[in-house]
């Protein structure tokens, strides 16, 4: 099976605050990995494929904010849900900040 991602994902754990288009109350989770194109997140709340999200990811000292769309959902156990989220509407400023952060992680892992 061919890799469909445009960006390499990097393991990174950061707090996430999100609002769902389906259930617009704030919910929390964390990233499991990140890229310029999206993230895999873990949350205690169920997510649905194609669900739209307003996402804030705390990457000190920045907070990256954007729209996102759930691409796939993995329920690893009855208490946590893991989902792949594609970023939509990432501002050029947040894209630059995220790119610099991801580059710095790659430099430190080499």
PDB file of N, CA and C in Angstrom:
ATOM      1  N   UNK A   1       0.845  -1.185   0.000  1.00  0.00           N
ATOM      2  CA  UNK A   1       0.000   0.000   0.000  1.00  0.00           C
ATOM      3  C   UNK A   1       0.887   1.244   0.000  1.00  0.00           C
ATOM      4  N   UNK A   2       0.652   2.146  -0.895  1.00  0.00           N
ATOM      5  CA  UNK A   2       1.473   3.350  -1.032  1.00  0.00           C
ATOM      6  C   UNK A   2       1.122   4.374   0.039  1.00  0.00           C
ATOM      7  N   UNK A   3       2.128   5.078   0.501  1.00  0.00           N
ATOM      8  CA  UNK A   3       1.950   6.152   1.479  1.00  0.00           C
ATOM      9  C   UNK A   3       1.243   7.313   0.798  1.00  0.00           C
ATOM     10  N   UNK A   4       0.165   7.826   1.410  1.00  0.00           N
ATOM     11  CA  UNK A   4      -0.601   8.902   0.801  1.00  0.00           C
ATOM     12  C   UNK A   4      -0.314  10.264   1.413  1.00  0.00           C
ATOM     13  N   UNK A   5       0.434  10.317   2.476  1.00  0.00           N
ATOM     14  CA  UNK A   5       0.708  11.598   3.129  1.00  0.00           C
ATOM     15  C   UNK A   5       1.704  12.420   2.328  1.00  0.00           C
ATOM     16  N   UNK A   6       1.466  13.727   2.298  1.00  0.00           N
ATOM     17  CA  UNK A   6       2.405  14.645   1.647  1.00  0.00           C
ATOM     18  C   UNK A   6       3.545  15.023   2.567  1.00  0.00           C
ATOM     19  N   UNK A   7       3.307  14.978   3.881  1.00  0.00           N
ATOM     20  CA  UNK A   7       4.290  15.430   4.853  1.00  0.00           C
ATOM     21  C   UNK A   7       4.654  14.294   5.802  1.00  0.00           C
ATOM     22  N   UNK A   8       5.908  14.243   6.182  1.00  0.00           N
ATOM     23  CA  UNK A   8       6.381  13.248   7.136  1.00  0.00           C
ATOM     24  C   UNK A   8       5.858  13.600   8.529  1.00  0.00           C
ATOM     25  N   UNK A   9       5.298  12.619   9.220  1.00  0.00           N
ATOM     26  CA  UNK A   9       4.800  12.856  10.568  1.00  0.00           C
ATOM     27  C   UNK A   9       5.883  12.576  11.590  1.00  0.00           C
ATOM     28  N   UNK A  10       5.903  13.398  12.624  1.00  0.00           N
ATOM     29  CA  UNK A  10       6.900  13.309  13.687  1.00  0.00           C
ATOM     30  C   UNK A  10       6.175  13.077  15.004  1.00  0.00           C
ATOM     31  N   UNK A  11       6.642  12.092  15.752  1.00  0.00           N
ATOM     32  CA  UNK A  11       6.050  11.807  17.052  1.00  0.00           C
ATOM     33  C   UNK A  11       6.207  13.035  17.946  1.00  0.00           C
ATOM     34  N   UNK A  12       5.099  13.532  18.452  1.00  0.00           N
ATOM     35  CA  UNK A  12       5.116  14.739  19.286  1.00  0.00           C
ATOM     36  C   UNK A  12       3.834  14.767  20.113  1.00  0.00           C
ATOM     37  N   UNK A  13       3.986  15.007  21.397  1.00  0.00           N
ATOM     38  CA  UNK A  13       2.853  15.012  22.320  1.00  0.00           C
ATOM     39  C   UNK A  13       2.602  16.431  22.819  1.00  0.00           C
ATOM     40  N   UNK A  14       1.424  16.959  22.456  1.00  0.00           N
ATOM     41  CA  UNK A  14       1.052  18.316  22.865  1.00  0.00           C
ATOM     42  C   UNK A  14      -0.435  18.354  23.194  1.00  0.00           C
ATOM     43  N   UNK A  15      -0.829  19.192  24.161  1.00  0.00           N
ATOM     44  CA  UNK A  15      -2.246  19.331  24.486  1.00  0.00           C
ATOM     45  C   UNK A  15      -3.026  19.926  23.307  1.00  0.00           C
ATOM     46  N   UNK A  16      -4.238  19.444  23.149  1.00  0.00           N
ATOM     47  CA  UNK A  16      -5.128  19.902  22.084  1.00  0.00           C
ATOM     48  C   UNK A  16      -6.461  20.303  22.709  1.00  0.00           C
ATOM     49  N   UNK A  17      -6.966  21.450  22.311  1.00  0.00           N
ATOM     50  CA  UNK A  17      -8.326  21.870  22.635  1.00  0.00           C
ATOM     51  C   UNK A  17      -9.057  21.922  21.303  1.00  0.00           C
ATOM     52  N   UNK A  18     -10.234  21.314  21.228  1.00  0.00           N
ATOM     53  CA  UNK A  18     -10.948  21.335  19.951  1.00  0.00           C
ATOM     54  C   UNK A  18     -12.449  21.461  20.161  1.00  0.00           C
ATOM     55  N   UNK A  19     -13.086  21.993  19.139  1.00  0.00           N
ATOM     56  CA  UNK A  19     -14.529  22.112  19.066  1.00  0.00           C
ATOM     57  C   UNK A  19     -14.962  21.337  17.832  1.00  0.00           C
ATOM     58  N   UNK A  20     -15.953  20.512  17.986  1.00  0.00           N
ATOM     59  CA  UNK A  20     -16.454  19.703  16.883  1.00  0.00           C
ATOM     60  C   UNK A  20     -17.646  20.386  16.226  1.00  0.00           C
ATOM     61  N   UNK A  21     -17.768  20.222  14.916  1.00  0.00           N
ATOM     62  CA  UNK A  21     -18.963  20.727  14.222  1.00  0.00           C
ATOM     63  C   UNK A  21     -20.203  19.960  14.659  1.00  0.00           C
ATOM     64  N   UNK A  22     -20.018  18.709  15.074  1.00  0.00           N
ATOM     65  CA  UNK A  22     -21.129  17.852  15.482  1.00  0.00           C
ATOM     66  C   UNK A  22     -21.578  18.171  16.904  1.00  0.00           C
ATOM     67  N   UNK A  23     -20.620  18.378  17.802  1.00  0.00           N
ATOM     68  CA  UNK A  23     -20.907  18.632  19.212  1.00  0.00           C
ATOM     69  C   UNK A  23     -20.005  19.776  19.668  1.00  0.00           C
ATOM     70  N   UNK A  24     -20.482  21.034  19.545  1.00  0.00           N
ATOM     71  CA  UNK A  24     -19.608  22.210  19.689  1.00  0.00           C
ATOM     72  C   UNK A  24     -19.209  22.631  21.102  1.00  0.00           C
ATOM     73  N   UNK A  25     -19.088  21.705  22.026  1.00  0.00           N
ATOM     74  CA  UNK A  25     -18.538  22.032  23.339  1.00  0.00           C
ATOM     75  C   UNK A  25     -17.044  21.759  23.312  1.00  0.00           C
ATOM     76  N   UNK A  26     -16.258  22.530  24.052  1.00  0.00           N
ATOM     77  CA  UNK A  26     -14.809  22.305  24.023  1.00  0.00           C
ATOM     78  C   UNK A  26     -14.446  20.942  24.596  1.00  0.00           C
ATOM     79  N   UNK A  27     -13.484  20.308  23.931  1.00  0.00           N
ATOM     80  CA  UNK A  27     -12.977  19.008  24.375  1.00  0.00           C
ATOM     81  C   UNK A  27     -11.461  19.051  24.323  1.00  0.00           C
ATOM     82  N   UNK A  28     -10.844  18.158  25.074  1.00  0.00           N
ATOM     83  CA  UNK A  28      -9.391  18.130  25.132  1.00  0.00           C
ATOM     84  C   UNK A  28      -8.866  16.774  24.683  1.00  0.00           C
ATOM     85  N   UNK A  29      -7.631  16.800  24.260  1.00  0.00           N
ATOM     86  CA  UNK A  29      -6.929  15.595  23.850  1.00  0.00           C
ATOM     87  C   UNK A  29      -5.460  15.915  23.771  1.00  0.00           C
ATOM     88  N   UNK A  30      -4.740  15.091  23.030  1.00  0.00           N
ATOM     89  CA  UNK A  30      -3.321  15.363  22.817  1.00  0.00           C
ATOM     90  C   UNK A  30      -2.917  14.827  21.458  1.00  0.00           C
ATOM     91  N   UNK A  31      -1.880  15.447  20.916  1.00  0.00           N
ATOM     92  CA  UNK A  31      -1.337  14.932  19.667  1.00  0.00           C
ATOM     93  C   UNK A  31      -0.487  13.711  19.985  1.00  0.00           C
ATOM     94  N   UNK A  32      -0.439  12.791  19.056  1.00  0.00           N
ATOM     95  CA  UNK A  32       0.476  11.657  19.127  1.00  0.00           C
ATOM     96  C   UNK A  32       1.594  11.851  18.114  1.00  0.00           C
ATOM     97  N   UNK A  33       1.234  12.488  16.998  1.00  0.00           N
ATOM     98  CA  UNK A  33       2.232  12.894  16.019  1.00  0.00           C
ATOM     99  C   UNK A  33       1.719  14.103  15.267  1.00  0.00           C
ATOM    100  N   UNK A  34       2.647  14.791  14.591  1.00  0.00           N
ATOM    101  CA  UNK A  34       2.345  16.044  13.897  1.00  0.00           C
ATOM    102  C   UNK A  34       3.061  16.104  12.566  1.00  0.00           C
ATOM    103  N   UNK A  35       2.463  16.832  11.632  1.00  0.00           N
ATOM    104  CA  UNK A  35       3.124  17.195  10.386  1.00  0.00           C
ATOM    105  C   UNK A  35       2.539  18.532   9.952  1.00  0.00           C
ATOM    106  N   UNK A  36       3.049  19.076   8.862  1.00  0.00           N
ATOM    107  CA  UNK A  36       2.470  20.315   8.335  1.00  0.00           C
ATOM    108  C   UNK A  36       1.067  20.085   7.781  1.00  0.00           C
ATOM    109  N   UNK A  37       0.742  18.844   7.478  1.00  0.00           N
ATOM    110  CA  UNK A  37      -0.559  18.546   6.889  1.00  0.00           C
ATOM    111  C   UNK A  37      -1.603  18.030   7.844  1.00  0.00           C
ATOM    112  N   UNK A  38      -1.193  17.638   9.065  1.00  0.00           N
ATOM    113  CA  UNK A  38      -2.178  17.089   9.984  1.00  0.00           C
ATOM    114  C   UNK A  38      -1.547  16.511  11.225  1.00  0.00           C
ATOM    115  N   UNK A  39      -2.368  15.774  11.970  1.00  0.00           N
ATOM    116  CA  UNK A  39      -1.917  15.188  13.234  1.00  0.00           C
ATOM    117  C   UNK A  39      -2.734  13.941  13.527  1.00  0.00           C
ATOM    118  N   UNK A  40      -2.157  13.089  14.332  1.00  0.00           N
ATOM    119  CA  UNK A  40      -2.918  11.997  14.929  1.00  0.00           C
ATOM    120  C   UNK A  40      -3.165  12.433  16.362  1.00  0.00           C
ATOM    121  N   UNK A  41      -4.431  12.435  16.764  1.00  0.00           N
ATOM    122  CA  UNK A  41      -4.767  12.881  18.103  1.00  0.00           C
ATOM    123  C   UNK A  41      -5.431  11.758  18.885  1.00  0.00           C
ATOM    124  N   UNK A  42      -5.341  11.887  20.202  1.00  0.00           N
ATOM    125  CA  UNK A  42      -5.999  10.947  21.101  1.00  0.00           C
ATOM    126  C   UNK A  42      -6.898  11.753  22.021  1.00  0.00           C
ATOM    127  N   UNK A  43      -8.106  11.262  22.223  1.00  0.00           N
ATOM    128  CA  UNK A  43      -9.080  11.953  23.061  1.00  0.00           C
ATOM    129  C   UNK A  43      -9.976  10.932  23.756  1.00  0.00           C
ATOM    130  N   UNK A  44     -10.603  11.347  24.815  1.00  0.00           N
ATOM    131  CA  UNK A  44     -11.561  10.471  25.501  1.00  0.00           C
ATOM    132  C   UNK A  44     -12.947  10.559  24.873  1.00  0.00           C
ATOM    133  N   UNK A  45     -13.141  11.490  23.962  1.00  0.00           N
ATOM    134  CA  UNK A  45     -14.430  11.667  23.295  1.00  0.00           C
ATOM    135  C   UNK A  45     -14.388  11.009  21.920  1.00  0.00           C
ATOM    136  N   UNK A  46     -15.497  10.420  21.546  1.00  0.00           N
ATOM    137  CA  UNK A  46     -15.576   9.765  20.243  1.00  0.00           C
ATOM    138  C   UNK A  46     -15.553  10.803  19.121  1.00  0.00           C
ATOM    139  N   UNK A  47     -14.843  10.489  18.070  1.00  0.00           N
ATOM    140  CA  UNK A  47     -14.821  11.318  16.872  1.00  0.00           C
ATOM    141  C   UNK A  47     -15.364  10.489  15.710  1.00  0.00           C
ATOM    142  N   UNK A  48     -15.890  11.162  14.706  1.00  0.00           N
ATOM    143  CA  UNK A  48     -16.439  10.470  13.546  1.00  0.00           C
ATOM    144  C   UNK A  48     -15.666  10.862  12.284  1.00  0.00           C
ATOM    145  N   UNK A  49     -15.514   9.919  11.395  1.00  0.00           N
ATOM    146  CA  UNK A  49     -14.862  10.181  10.120  1.00  0.00           C
ATOM    147  C   UNK A  49     -15.599  11.322   9.414  1.00  0.00           C
ATOM    148  N   UNK A  50     -14.853  12.233   8.821  1.00  0.00           N
ATOM    149  CA  UNK A  50     -15.336  13.419   8.088  1.00  0.00           C
ATOM    150  C   UNK A  50     -15.806  14.556   8.987  1.00  0.00           C
ATOM    151  N   UNK A  51     -15.746  14.378  10.295  1.00  0.00           N
ATOM    152  CA  UNK A  51     -16.157  15.419  11.231  1.00  0.00           C
ATOM    153  C   UNK A  51     -15.218  16.625  11.128  1.00  0.00           C
ATOM    154  N   UNK A  52     -15.776  17.814  11.125  1.00  0.00           N
ATOM    155  CA  UNK A  52     -14.991  19.043  11.098  1.00  0.00           C
ATOM    156  C   UNK A  52     -14.650  19.486  12.510  1.00  0.00           C
ATOM    157  N   UNK A  53     -13.438  20.023  12.684  1.00  0.00           N
ATOM    158  CA  UNK A  53     -12.973  20.454  13.998  1.00  0.00           C
ATOM    159  C   UNK A  53     -12.329  21.830  13.917  1.00  0.00           C
ATOM    160  N   UNK A  54     -12.471  22.604  14.981  1.00  0.00           N
ATOM    161  CA  UNK A  54     -11.676  23.806  15.210  1.00  0.00           C
ATOM    162  C   UNK A  54     -10.637  23.389  16.238  1.00  0.00           C
ATOM    163  N   UNK A  55      -9.362  23.478  15.894  1.00  0.00           N
ATOM    164  CA  UNK A  55      -8.307  22.894  16.704  1.00  0.00           C
ATOM    165  C   UNK A  55      -7.339  23.961  17.196  1.00  0.00           C
ATOM    166  N   UNK A  56      -6.912  23.827  18.455  1.00  0.00           N
ATOM    167  CA  UNK A  56      -5.823  24.624  19.010  1.00  0.00           C
ATOM    168  C   UNK A  56      -4.819  23.651  19.617  1.00  0.00           C
ATOM    169  N   UNK A  57      -3.560  23.720  19.157  1.00  0.00           N
ATOM    170  CA  UNK A  57      -2.509  22.840  19.646  1.00  0.00           C
ATOM    171  C   UNK A  57      -1.478  23.702  20.364  1.00  0.00           C
ATOM    172  N   UNK A  58      -1.235  23.395  21.633  1.00  0.00           N
ATOM    173  CA  UNK A  58      -0.279  24.164  22.433  1.00  0.00           C
ATOM    174  C   UNK A  58       1.128  23.624  22.193  1.00  0.00           C
ATOM    175  N   UNK A  59       1.922  24.423  21.483  1.00  0.00           N
ATOM    176  CA  UNK A  59       3.333  24.121  21.248  1.00  0.00           C
ATOM    177  C   UNK A  59       4.081  25.330  21.786  1.00  0.00           C
ATOM    178  N   UNK A  60       4.490  25.239  23.028  1.00  0.00           N
ATOM    179  CA  UNK A  60       5.060  26.394  23.727  1.00  0.00           C
ATOM    180  C   UNK A  60       6.172  27.057  22.944  1.00  0.00           C
ATOM    181  N   UNK A  61       6.181  28.362  22.819  1.00  0.00           N
ATOM    182  CA  UNK A  61       5.247  29.316  23.401  1.00  0.00           C
ATOM    183  C   UNK A  61       4.065  29.631  22.482  1.00  0.00           C
ATOM    184  N   UNK A  62       3.922  28.901  21.394  1.00  0.00           N
ATOM    185  CA  UNK A  62       2.873  29.163  20.399  1.00  0.00           C
ATOM    186  C   UNK A  62       1.622  28.329  20.676  1.00  0.00           C
ATOM    187  N   UNK A  63       0.514  28.774  20.091  1.00  0.00           N
ATOM    188  CA  UNK A  63      -0.702  27.973  19.990  1.00  0.00           C
ATOM    189  C   UNK A  63      -1.083  27.982  18.517  1.00  0.00           C
ATOM    190  N   UNK A  64      -1.045  26.805  17.917  1.00  0.00           N
ATOM    191  CA  UNK A  64      -1.384  26.658  16.503  1.00  0.00           C
ATOM    192  C   UNK A  64      -2.890  26.456  16.418  1.00  0.00           C
ATOM    193  N   UNK A  65      -3.567  27.273  15.603  1.00  0.00           N
ATOM    194  CA  UNK A  65      -5.019  27.186  15.463  1.00  0.00           C
ATOM    195  C   UNK A  65      -5.379  26.963  14.004  1.00  0.00           C
ATOM    196  N   UNK A  66      -6.343  26.058  13.774  1.00  0.00           N
ATOM    197  CA  UNK A  66      -6.798  25.832  12.401  1.00  0.00           C
ATOM    198  C   UNK A  66      -8.078  25.004  12.398  1.00  0.00           C
ATOM    199  N   UNK A  67      -8.642  24.877  11.219  1.00  0.00           N
ATOM    200  CA  UNK A  67      -9.720  23.920  10.980  1.00  0.00           C
ATOM    201  C   UNK A  67      -9.073  22.587  10.674  1.00  0.00           C
ATOM    202  N   UNK A  68      -9.793  21.530  10.928  1.00  0.00           N
ATOM    203  CA  UNK A  68      -9.315  20.207  10.604  1.00  0.00           C
ATOM    204  C   UNK A  68     -10.474  19.310  10.229  1.00  0.00           C
ATOM    205  N   UNK A  69     -10.156  18.208   9.577  1.00  0.00           N
ATOM    206  CA  UNK A  69     -11.163  17.226   9.189  1.00  0.00           C
ATOM    207  C   UNK A  69     -10.656  15.848   9.594  1.00  0.00           C
ATOM    208  N   UNK A  70     -11.503  15.075  10.274  1.00  0.00           N
ATOM    209  CA  UNK A  70     -11.145  13.722  10.682  1.00  0.00           C
ATOM    210  C   UNK A  70     -11.110  12.840   9.443  1.00  0.00           C
ATOM    211  N   UNK A  71      -9.960  12.227   9.192  1.00  0.00           N
ATOM    212  CA  UNK A  71      -9.772  11.375   8.013  1.00  0.00           C
ATOM    213  C   UNK A  71     -10.024   9.917   8.360  1.00  0.00           C
ATOM    214  N   UNK A  72      -9.592   9.488   9.531  1.00  0.00           N
ATOM    215  CA  UNK A  72      -9.846   8.115   9.979  1.00  0.00           C
ATOM    216  C   UNK A  72      -9.959   8.097  11.490  1.00  0.00           C
ATOM    217  N   UNK A  73     -10.604   7.076  12.024  1.00  0.00           N
ATOM    218  CA  UNK A  73     -10.776   6.923  13.466  1.00  0.00           C
ATOM    219  C   UNK A  73     -10.356   5.514  13.854  1.00  0.00           C
ATOM    220  N   UNK A  74      -9.552   5.423  14.912  1.00  0.00           N
ATOM    221  CA  UNK A  74      -9.155   4.147  15.495  1.00  0.00           C
ATOM    222  C   UNK A  74      -9.578   4.153  16.952  1.00  0.00           C
ATOM    223  N   UNK A  75     -10.419   3.251  17.336  1.00  0.00           N
ATOM    224  CA  UNK A  75     -10.787   3.124  18.747  1.00  0.00           C
ATOM    225  C   UNK A  75      -9.894   2.052  19.345  1.00  0.00           C
ATOM    226  N   UNK A  76      -8.878   2.472  20.067  1.00  0.00           N
ATOM    227  CA  UNK A  76      -7.908   1.529  20.606  1.00  0.00           C
ATOM    228  C   UNK A  76      -8.443   0.768  21.809  1.00  0.00           C
ATOM    229  N   UNK A  77      -9.262   1.395  22.600  1.00  0.00           N
ATOM    230  CA  UNK A  77      -9.925   0.721  23.719  1.00  0.00           C
ATOM    231  C   UNK A  77     -11.221   1.477  23.987  1.00  0.00           C
ATOM    232  N   UNK A  78     -11.961   1.068  24.960  1.00  0.00           N
ATOM    233  CA  UNK A  78     -13.253   1.697  25.215  1.00  0.00           C
ATOM    234  C   UNK A  78     -13.181   3.094  25.792  1.00  0.00           C
ATOM    235  N   UNK A  79     -11.998   3.524  26.212  1.00  0.00           N
ATOM    236  CA  UNK A  79     -11.883   4.812  26.873  1.00  0.00           C
ATOM    237  C   UNK A  79     -11.245   5.902  26.023  1.00  0.00           C
ATOM    238  N   UNK A  80     -10.495   5.515  25.021  1.00  0.00           N
ATOM    239  CA  UNK A  80      -9.785   6.503  24.214  1.00  0.00           C
ATOM    240  C   UNK A  80     -10.071   6.290  22.735  1.00  0.00           C
ATOM    241  N   UNK A  81     -10.080   7.377  22.019  1.00  0.00           N
ATOM    242  CA  UNK A  81     -10.249   7.335  20.571  1.00  0.00           C
ATOM    243  C   UNK A  81      -9.044   8.010  19.938  1.00  0.00           C
ATOM    244  N   UNK A  82      -8.516   7.400  18.913  1.00  0.00           N
ATOM    245  CA  UNK A  82      -7.407   7.989  18.156  1.00  0.00           C
ATOM    246  C   UNK A  82      -7.907   8.278  16.753  1.00  0.00           C
ATOM    247  N   UNK A  83      -7.517   9.442  16.257  1.00  0.00           N
ATOM    248  CA  UNK A  83      -8.008   9.849  14.943  1.00  0.00           C
ATOM    249  C   UNK A  83      -6.927  10.597  14.174  1.00  0.00           C
ATOM    250  N   UNK A  84      -6.931  10.401  12.880  1.00  0.00           N
ATOM    251  CA  UNK A  84      -6.073  11.169  11.998  1.00  0.00           C
ATOM    252  C   UNK A  84      -6.836  12.387  11.526  1.00  0.00           C
ATOM    253  N   UNK A  85      -6.238  13.544  11.682  1.00  0.00           N
ATOM    254  CA  UNK A  85      -6.888  14.815  11.332  1.00  0.00           C
ATOM    255  C   UNK A  85      -6.044  15.530  10.287  1.00  0.00           C
ATOM    256  N   UNK A  86      -6.678  15.915   9.194  1.00  0.00           N
ATOM    257  CA  UNK A  86      -6.007  16.707   8.155  1.00  0.00           C
ATOM    258  C   UNK A  86      -6.293  18.175   8.435  1.00  0.00           C
ATOM    259  N   UNK A  87      -5.232  18.986   8.453  1.00  0.00           N
ATOM    260  CA  UNK A  87      -5.400  20.410   8.680  1.00  0.00           C
ATOM    261  C   UNK A  87      -5.993  21.068   7.440  1.00  0.00           C
ATOM    262  N   UNK A  88      -6.913  21.990   7.684  1.00  0.00           N
ATOM    263  CA  UNK A  88      -7.519  22.813   6.633  1.00  0.00           C
ATOM    264  C   UNK A  88      -7.513  24.246   7.151  1.00  0.00           C
ATOM    265  N   UNK A  89      -7.061  25.160   6.358  1.00  0.00           N
ATOM    266  CA  UNK A  89      -7.090  26.555   6.779  1.00  0.00           C
ATOM    267  C   UNK A  89      -6.027  26.923   7.786  1.00  0.00           C
ATOM    268  N   UNK A  90      -4.867  26.296   7.704  1.00  0.00           N
ATOM    269  CA  UNK A  90      -3.744  26.664   8.566  1.00  0.00           C
ATOM    270  C   UNK A  90      -3.164  27.973   8.029  1.00  0.00           C
ATOM    271  N   UNK A  91      -3.125  29.003   8.864  1.00  0.00           N
ATOM    272  CA  UNK A  91      -2.617  30.304   8.413  1.00  0.00           C
ATOM    273  C   UNK A  91      -1.143  30.190   8.049  1.00  0.00           C
ATOM    274  N   UNK A  92      -0.666  31.112   7.233  1.00  0.00           N
ATOM    275  CA  UNK A  92       0.746  31.077   6.835  1.00  0.00           C
ATOM    276  C   UNK A  92       1.645  31.282   8.053  1.00  0.00           C
ATOM    277  N   UNK A  93       1.212  32.089   9.013  1.00  0.00           N
ATOM    278  CA  UNK A  93       1.988  32.319  10.230  1.00  0.00           C
ATOM    279  C   UNK A  93       2.078  31.036  11.064  1.00  0.00           C
ATOM    280  N   UNK A  94       0.934  30.367  11.252  1.00  0.00           N
ATOM    281  CA  UNK A  94       0.938  29.122  12.017  1.00  0.00           C
ATOM    282  C   UNK A  94       1.679  28.015  11.269  1.00  0.00           C
ATOM    283  N   UNK A  95       1.562  27.995   9.955  1.00  0.00           N
ATOM    284  CA  UNK A  95       2.296  27.019   9.151  1.00  0.00           C
ATOM    285  C   UNK A  95       3.800  27.211   9.307  1.00  0.00           C
ATOM    286  N   UNK A  96       4.243  28.458   9.300  1.00  0.00           N
ATOM    287  CA  UNK A  96       5.658  28.767   9.488  1.00  0.00           C
ATOM    288  C   UNK A  96       6.127  28.336  10.878  1.00  0.00           C
ATOM    289  N   UNK A  97       5.352  28.668  11.917  1.00  0.00           N
ATOM    290  CA  UNK A  97       5.702  28.285  13.292  1.00  0.00           C
ATOM    291  C   UNK A  97       5.776  26.772  13.438  1.00  0.00           C
ATOM    292  N   UNK A  98       4.790  26.072  12.892  1.00  0.00           N
ATOM    293  CA  UNK A  98       4.762  24.620  12.975  1.00  0.00           C
ATOM    294  C   UNK A  98       5.932  24.018  12.200  1.00  0.00           C
ATOM    295  N   UNK A  99       6.221  24.548  11.020  1.00  0.00           N
ATOM    296  CA  UNK A  99       7.346  24.067  10.231  1.00  0.00           C
ATOM    297  C   UNK A  99       8.672  24.241  10.952  1.00  0.00           C
ATOM    298  N   UNK A 100       8.866  25.377  11.603  1.00  0.00           N
ATOM    299  CA  UNK A 100      10.100  25.617  12.356  1.00  0.00           C
ATOM    300  C   UNK A 100      10.203  24.667  13.536  1.00  0.00           C
ATOM    301  N   UNK A 101       9.089  24.435  14.208  1.00  0.00           N
ATOM    302  CA  UNK A 101       9.078  23.512  15.343  1.00  0.00           C
ATOM    303  C   UNK A 101       9.433  22.093  14.880  1.00  0.00           C
ATOM    304  N   UNK A 102       8.795  21.633  13.810  1.00  0.00           N
ATOM    305  CA  UNK A 102       9.052  20.283  13.306  1.00  0.00           C
ATOM    306  C   UNK A 102      10.504  20.131  12.829  1.00  0.00           C
ATOM    307  N   UNK A 103      11.034  21.176  12.195  1.00  0.00           N
ATOM    308  CA  UNK A 103      12.431  21.149  11.759  1.00  0.00           C
ATOM    309  C   UNK A 103      13.377  21.042  12.950  1.00  0.00           C
ATOM    310  N   UNK A 104      13.066  21.768  14.026  1.00  0.00           N
ATOM    311  CA  UNK A 104      13.939  21.724  15.208  1.00  0.00           C
ATOM    312  C   UNK A 104      13.914  20.330  15.849  1.00  0.00           C
ATOM    313  N   UNK A 105      12.761  19.671  15.828  1.00  0.00           N
ATOM    314  CA  UNK A 105      12.698  18.305  16.359  1.00  0.00           C
ATOM    315  C   UNK A 105      13.554  17.372  15.511  1.00  0.00           C
ATOM    316  N   UNK A 106      13.448  17.495  14.204  1.00  0.00           N
ATOM    317  CA  UNK A 106      14.224  16.630  13.303  1.00  0.00           C
ATOM    318  C   UNK A 106      15.718  16.836  13.509  1.00  0.00           C
ATOM    319  N   UNK A 107      16.133  18.083  13.697  1.00  0.00           N
ATOM    320  CA  UNK A 107      17.559  18.373  13.909  1.00  0.00           C
ATOM    321  C   UNK A 107      18.079  17.728  15.196  1.00  0.00           C
ATOM    322  N   UNK A 108      17.260  17.716  16.239  1.00  0.00           N
ATOM    323  CA  UNK A 108      17.681  17.160  17.525  1.00  0.00           C
ATOM    324  C   UNK A 108      17.651  15.632  17.541  1.00  0.00           C
ATOM    325  N   UNK A 109      16.948  15.032  16.608  1.00  0.00           N
ATOM    326  CA  UNK A 109      16.858  13.565  16.574  1.00  0.00           C
ATOM    327  C   UNK A 109      17.944  12.944  15.706  1.00  0.00           C
ATOM    328  N   UNK A 110      18.633  13.749  14.945  1.00  0.00           N
ATOM    329  CA  UNK A 110      19.670  13.212  14.051  1.00  0.00           C
ATOM    330  C   UNK A 110      20.965  13.024  14.790  1.00  0.00           C
TER     331      UNK A 110
END
